[in-house]
Amino acid sequence: MNPYQRIIKAIDPTLNARWVEGFIRLQYGTLDHLSTTDFEREIDLFRGEFQQEDEQTWEDNARSYGL
């Protein structure tokens, strides 16, 4: 688990951190500049409409980023 995934898990341990990180990477080229508040906002977005996508979509996206 990388540092970004640890942040995600600390905020919401019920989510698949790889999928959430992949989702966040769709919006940002890098994640180093994001604050905890930014991660919380992105996780809220993922929990909403975006999590409704099928699991294979999120798995494929995570793998496309090498996660």
N, C-alpha and C. Protein backbone atom coordinates (compact mmCIF):
# COMPACT_ATOMS: atom_id res chain seq x y z
N MET A 1 0.86 -1.18 0.00
CA MET A 1 0.00 0.00 0.00
C MET A 1 0.90 1.24 0.00
N ASN A 2 0.65 2.13 -0.93
CA ASN A 2 1.48 3.34 -1.03
C ASN A 2 0.93 4.44 -0.10
N PRO A 3 1.67 5.54 0.05
CA PRO A 3 1.24 6.60 0.98
C PRO A 3 -0.14 7.19 0.65
N TYR A 4 -0.48 7.30 -0.62
CA TYR A 4 -1.80 7.85 -0.99
C TYR A 4 -2.91 6.90 -0.55
N GLN A 5 -2.67 5.63 -0.75
CA GLN A 5 -3.66 4.64 -0.35
C GLN A 5 -3.82 4.59 1.17
N ARG A 6 -2.75 4.84 1.89
CA ARG A 6 -2.84 4.91 3.36
C ARG A 6 -3.71 6.09 3.79
N ILE A 7 -3.56 7.22 3.10
CA ILE A 7 -4.41 8.39 3.40
C ILE A 7 -5.87 8.04 3.13
N ILE A 8 -6.12 7.43 1.99
CA ILE A 8 -7.49 7.05 1.62
C ILE A 8 -8.08 6.11 2.66
N LYS A 9 -7.32 5.08 3.06
CA LYS A 9 -7.79 4.11 4.05
C LYS A 9 -8.03 4.76 5.41
N ALA A 10 -7.20 5.75 5.76
CA ALA A 10 -7.39 6.45 7.03
C ALA A 10 -8.69 7.24 7.02
N ILE A 11 -9.05 7.77 5.88
CA ILE A 11 -10.28 8.55 5.75
C ILE A 11 -11.49 7.62 5.69
N ASP A 12 -11.41 6.55 4.91
CA ASP A 12 -12.52 5.61 4.80
C ASP A 12 -11.98 4.20 4.55
N PRO A 13 -11.84 3.42 5.60
CA PRO A 13 -11.28 2.07 5.46
C PRO A 13 -12.17 1.09 4.70
N THR A 14 -13.41 1.47 4.40
CA THR A 14 -14.31 0.55 3.71
C THR A 14 -14.12 0.58 2.19
N LEU A 15 -13.43 1.60 1.69
CA LEU A 15 -13.26 1.74 0.24
C LEU A 15 -12.02 1.00 -0.25
N ASN A 16 -12.05 0.61 -1.52
CA ASN A 16 -10.88 0.04 -2.16
C ASN A 16 -9.95 1.20 -2.51
N ALA A 17 -8.86 1.32 -1.78
CA ALA A 17 -7.96 2.47 -1.91
C ALA A 17 -7.34 2.56 -3.31
N ARG A 18 -7.08 1.42 -3.94
CA ARG A 18 -6.53 1.44 -5.30
C ARG A 18 -7.51 2.08 -6.27
N TRP A 19 -8.78 1.71 -6.14
CA TRP A 19 -9.79 2.26 -7.03
C TRP A 19 -9.95 3.75 -6.81
N VAL A 20 -9.94 4.18 -5.54
CA VAL A 20 -10.09 5.61 -5.24
C VAL A 20 -8.88 6.38 -5.76
N GLU A 21 -7.69 5.84 -5.54
CA GLU A 21 -6.50 6.53 -6.05
C GLU A 21 -6.56 6.65 -7.57
N GLY A 22 -6.97 5.59 -8.24
CA GLY A 22 -7.13 5.65 -9.70
C GLY A 22 -8.13 6.71 -10.12
N PHE A 23 -9.23 6.79 -9.39
CA PHE A 23 -10.25 7.80 -9.66
C PHE A 23 -9.66 9.21 -9.50
N ILE A 24 -8.92 9.42 -8.43
CA ILE A 24 -8.32 10.74 -8.19
C ILE A 24 -7.31 11.07 -9.29
N ARG A 25 -6.57 10.07 -9.73
CA ARG A 25 -5.58 10.30 -10.79
C ARG A 25 -6.21 10.69 -12.11
N LEU A 26 -7.49 10.38 -12.30
CA LEU A 26 -8.18 10.85 -13.51
C LEU A 26 -8.28 12.37 -13.52
N GLN A 27 -8.33 12.99 -12.34
CA GLN A 27 -8.48 14.44 -12.24
C GLN A 27 -7.14 15.17 -12.13
N TYR A 28 -6.15 14.52 -11.56
CA TYR A 28 -4.88 15.18 -11.26
C TYR A 28 -3.71 14.40 -11.83
N GLY A 29 -2.75 15.10 -12.40
CA GLY A 29 -1.55 14.46 -12.91
C GLY A 29 -0.68 13.91 -11.80
N THR A 30 -0.58 14.64 -10.72
CA THR A 30 0.17 14.19 -9.55
C THR A 30 -0.69 14.40 -8.32
N LEU A 31 -0.36 13.70 -7.25
CA LEU A 31 -1.16 13.79 -6.03
C LEU A 31 -0.40 14.45 -4.88
N ASP A 32 0.89 14.70 -5.07
CA ASP A 32 1.72 15.24 -4.00
C ASP A 32 1.21 16.55 -3.41
N HIS A 33 0.57 17.36 -4.23
CA HIS A 33 0.13 18.68 -3.78
C HIS A 33 -1.22 18.65 -3.07
N LEU A 34 -1.90 17.50 -3.05
CA LEU A 34 -3.24 17.44 -2.47
C LEU A 34 -3.18 17.38 -0.94
N SER A 35 -4.05 18.14 -0.32
CA SER A 35 -4.16 18.13 1.14
C SER A 35 -5.11 17.02 1.57
N THR A 36 -5.17 16.76 2.85
CA THR A 36 -6.13 15.80 3.38
C THR A 36 -7.55 16.22 3.02
N THR A 37 -7.81 17.51 3.07
CA THR A 37 -9.14 18.03 2.70
C THR A 37 -9.44 17.72 1.23
N ASP A 38 -8.45 17.85 0.36
CA ASP A 38 -8.64 17.51 -1.05
C ASP A 38 -8.96 16.03 -1.20
N PHE A 39 -8.23 15.18 -0.48
CA PHE A 39 -8.51 13.74 -0.53
C PHE A 39 -9.92 13.46 -0.03
N GLU A 40 -10.33 14.11 1.04
CA GLU A 40 -11.68 13.92 1.58
C GLU A 40 -12.74 14.30 0.55
N ARG A 41 -12.52 15.42 -0.14
CA ARG A 41 -13.46 15.86 -1.16
C ARG A 41 -13.55 14.86 -2.30
N GLU A 42 -12.41 14.37 -2.77
CA GLU A 42 -12.40 13.40 -3.86
C GLU A 42 -13.04 12.08 -3.44
N ILE A 43 -12.80 11.67 -2.21
CA ILE A 43 -13.43 10.45 -1.70
C ILE A 43 -14.93 10.61 -1.65
N ASP A 44 -15.41 11.78 -1.23
CA ASP A 44 -16.85 12.03 -1.23
C ASP A 44 -17.42 11.92 -2.64
N LEU A 45 -16.70 12.44 -3.62
CA LEU A 45 -17.15 12.32 -5.02
C LEU A 45 -17.22 10.85 -5.44
N PHE A 46 -16.20 10.10 -5.08
CA PHE A 46 -16.16 8.69 -5.44
C PHE A 46 -17.31 7.94 -4.78
N ARG A 47 -17.56 8.24 -3.51
CA ARG A 47 -18.64 7.58 -2.78
C ARG A 47 -20.00 7.85 -3.41
N GLY A 48 -20.13 9.02 -4.01
CA GLY A 48 -21.40 9.40 -4.62
C GLY A 48 -21.64 8.66 -5.91
N GLU A 49 -21.88 9.39 -6.94
CA GLU A 49 -22.24 8.82 -8.24
C GLU A 49 -21.17 7.90 -8.81
N PHE A 50 -19.93 8.26 -8.65
CA PHE A 50 -18.87 7.54 -9.36
C PHE A 50 -18.70 6.11 -8.89
N GLN A 51 -18.96 5.82 -7.63
CA GLN A 51 -18.81 4.46 -7.13
C GLN A 51 -19.85 3.53 -7.75
N GLN A 52 -20.86 4.10 -8.36
CA GLN A 52 -21.92 3.29 -8.96
C GLN A 52 -21.45 2.55 -10.21
N GLU A 53 -20.31 2.95 -10.77
CA GLU A 53 -19.77 2.21 -11.92
C GLU A 53 -19.48 0.77 -11.49
N ASP A 54 -19.43 -0.12 -12.45
CA ASP A 54 -19.17 -1.51 -12.09
C ASP A 54 -17.72 -1.67 -11.61
N GLU A 55 -17.51 -2.68 -10.79
CA GLU A 55 -16.20 -2.90 -10.18
C GLU A 55 -15.10 -3.11 -11.21
N GLN A 56 -15.42 -3.74 -12.31
CA GLN A 56 -14.40 -4.00 -13.33
C GLN A 56 -13.87 -2.70 -13.92
N THR A 57 -14.73 -1.70 -14.05
CA THR A 57 -14.30 -0.39 -14.55
C THR A 57 -13.23 0.19 -13.65
N TRP A 58 -13.46 0.14 -12.32
CA TRP A 58 -12.50 0.72 -11.37
C TRP A 58 -11.24 -0.11 -11.28
N GLU A 59 -11.38 -1.43 -11.40
CA GLU A 59 -10.19 -2.29 -11.38
C GLU A 59 -9.33 -2.02 -12.62
N ASP A 60 -9.96 -1.93 -13.76
CA ASP A 60 -9.22 -1.63 -15.00
C ASP A 60 -8.54 -0.27 -14.91
N ASN A 61 -9.24 0.71 -14.36
CA ASN A 61 -8.65 2.05 -14.22
C ASN A 61 -7.44 2.01 -13.29
N ALA A 62 -7.57 1.35 -12.14
CA ALA A 62 -6.44 1.24 -11.20
C ALA A 62 -5.24 0.58 -11.86
N ARG A 63 -5.49 -0.50 -12.56
CA ARG A 63 -4.38 -1.21 -13.24
C ARG A 63 -3.73 -0.34 -14.31
N SER A 64 -4.52 0.52 -14.95
CA SER A 64 -3.94 1.38 -15.99
C SER A 64 -2.93 2.36 -15.40
N TYR A 65 -3.02 2.63 -14.10
CA TYR A 65 -2.06 3.48 -13.41
C TYR A 65 -0.99 2.65 -12.68
N GLY A 66 -0.98 1.35 -12.89
CA GLY A 66 0.00 0.50 -12.24
C GLY A 66 -0.27 0.27 -10.77
N LEU A 67 -1.52 0.42 -10.36
CA LEU A 67 -1.87 0.26 -8.94
C LEU A 67 -2.30 -1.17 -8.63
